[in-house]
Amino acid sequence: MGNRIDVAGCAPIEADGSSTPGDAGAQAARCLTIIREALEALGGSPADVVRTRMYITDPADADLVGRAHGAVFGDIRPASTMLVIPALIRPEWKVEIEAEAIVGGAA
């Protein structure tokens, strides 16, 4: 309720349920597309995002995921955390991203 949108863990899943192919950057871009679509469906946009969390399974992927994140949020600059975790639900997933937004600028 209200002006807050929480988009919980978006994994790199295509519309048909298959996993997004490619490297962690491509998978992160897909996660961010899902986040954007969820925000827009609820009247928000990436500009409303105040915090993101990125979960990666390989620290070597940090730059790729960070670049994908920066392509969407570079000018917005939400508080962001990136964590390295041992695994995600599907072994082919390299990243999962979640976002918190406040629409209208007031908490």
Protein backbone atom coordinates (compact mmCIF):
# COMPACT_ATOMS: atom_id res chain seq x y z
CA MET A 1 0.00 0.00 0.00
CA GLY A 2 1.11 3.58 -0.40
CA ASN A 3 4.02 4.85 -2.41
CA ARG A 4 6.52 2.03 -1.87
CA ILE A 5 7.31 -0.70 -4.41
CA ASP A 6 9.50 -3.65 -3.43
CA VAL A 7 10.61 -5.86 -6.31
CA ALA A 8 11.90 -9.05 -4.72
CA GLY A 9 14.65 -11.16 -6.19
CA CYS A 10 14.45 -11.02 -9.96
CA ALA A 11 16.26 -13.91 -11.55
CA PRO A 12 17.34 -14.11 -15.21
CA ILE A 13 14.21 -15.79 -16.51
CA GLU A 14 12.80 -15.40 -19.99
CA ALA A 15 9.06 -15.09 -20.68
CA ASP A 16 8.88 -18.80 -21.52
CA GLY A 17 10.40 -19.76 -18.15
CA SER A 18 13.82 -20.64 -19.50
CA SER A 19 16.96 -19.15 -18.05
CA THR A 20 18.54 -16.18 -19.82
CA PRO A 21 21.60 -17.41 -21.71
CA GLY A 22 24.94 -15.64 -21.62
CA ASP A 23 27.29 -14.16 -19.11
CA ALA A 24 26.46 -12.44 -15.83
CA GLY A 25 26.13 -9.08 -17.61
CA ALA A 26 23.46 -10.42 -19.97
CA GLN A 27 21.68 -12.09 -17.07
CA ALA A 28 21.83 -8.90 -14.99
CA ALA A 29 20.39 -6.91 -17.89
CA ARG A 30 17.45 -9.35 -18.01
CA CYS A 31 16.90 -9.03 -14.24
CA LEU A 32 16.89 -5.25 -14.58
CA THR A 33 14.37 -5.42 -17.43
CA ILE A 34 12.07 -7.49 -15.21
CA ILE A 35 12.48 -4.91 -12.43
CA ARG A 36 11.70 -2.03 -14.81
CA GLU A 37 8.59 -3.80 -16.10
CA ALA A 38 7.38 -4.51 -12.54
CA LEU A 39 7.92 -0.89 -11.50
CA GLU A 40 6.11 0.44 -14.56
CA ALA A 41 3.18 -1.93 -14.02
CA LEU A 42 2.71 -0.32 -10.60
CA GLY A 43 3.15 3.28 -11.73
CA GLY A 44 6.86 3.63 -10.96
CA SER A 45 10.09 3.79 -12.91
CA PRO A 46 13.80 3.15 -12.39
CA ALA A 47 14.11 6.81 -11.34
CA ASP A 48 12.07 5.95 -8.22
CA VAL A 49 14.49 3.25 -7.05
CA VAL A 50 16.24 4.08 -3.78
CA ARG A 51 18.00 0.76 -3.08
CA THR A 52 19.14 -2.32 -4.95
CA ARG A 53 20.71 -5.59 -3.90
CA MET A 54 22.64 -7.76 -6.31
CA TYR A 55 23.44 -11.37 -5.49
CA ILE A 56 26.19 -12.97 -7.56
CA THR A 57 27.69 -16.45 -7.38
CA ASP A 58 31.18 -15.57 -8.66
CA PRO A 59 33.12 -12.48 -7.54
CA ALA A 60 34.72 -12.38 -11.00
CA ASP A 61 31.30 -11.31 -12.34
CA ALA A 62 31.13 -8.15 -10.22
CA ASP A 63 32.26 -5.82 -13.01
CA LEU A 64 29.81 -7.23 -15.57
CA VAL A 65 26.89 -6.98 -13.17
CA GLY A 66 28.01 -3.54 -12.00
CA ARG A 67 28.13 -2.27 -15.58
CA ALA A 68 24.61 -3.57 -16.30
CA HIS A 69 23.39 -1.94 -13.07
CA GLY A 70 25.14 1.32 -13.96
CA ALA A 71 23.53 1.37 -17.41
CA VAL A 72 20.13 1.58 -15.70
CA PHE A 73 20.89 3.36 -12.44
CA GLY A 74 24.08 5.35 -13.16
CA ASP A 75 22.39 8.76 -12.98
CA ILE A 76 19.92 7.68 -10.29
CA ARG A 77 22.53 6.31 -7.89
CA PRO A 78 20.39 4.27 -5.48
CA ALA A 79 22.01 2.79 -2.40
CA SER A 80 23.35 -0.52 -3.71
CA THR A 81 24.77 -3.68 -2.24
CA MET A 82 26.42 -6.56 -4.09
CA LEU A 83 26.87 -9.85 -2.28
CA VAL A 84 28.65 -13.02 -3.30
CA ILE A 85 26.64 -16.08 -2.36
CA PRO A 86 27.36 -19.77 -2.90
CA ALA A 87 24.49 -20.53 -5.28
CA LEU A 88 21.10 -19.54 -6.64
CA ILE A 89 18.09 -21.84 -7.22
CA ARG A 90 19.09 -22.78 -10.78
CA PRO A 91 22.76 -23.63 -11.26
CA GLU A 92 22.96 -21.66 -14.53
CA TRP A 93 21.93 -18.41 -12.83
CA LYS A 94 24.85 -16.11 -12.11
CA VAL A 95 22.91 -13.17 -10.64
CA GLU A 96 19.67 -12.15 -8.97
CA ILE A 97 18.67 -8.52 -8.29
CA GLU A 98 16.05 -6.85 -6.12
CA ALA A 99 14.98 -3.22 -5.86
CA GLU A 100 13.10 -0.89 -3.54
CA ALA A 101 11.38 2.20 -4.92
CA ILE A 102 9.50 5.14 -3.48
CA VAL A 103 7.11 6.64 -5.99
CA GLY A 104 6.47 10.34 -5.56
CA GLY A 105 9.64 11.00 -3.55
CA ALA A 106 8.23 10.72 -0.01
CA ALA A 107 8.64 7.80 2.36
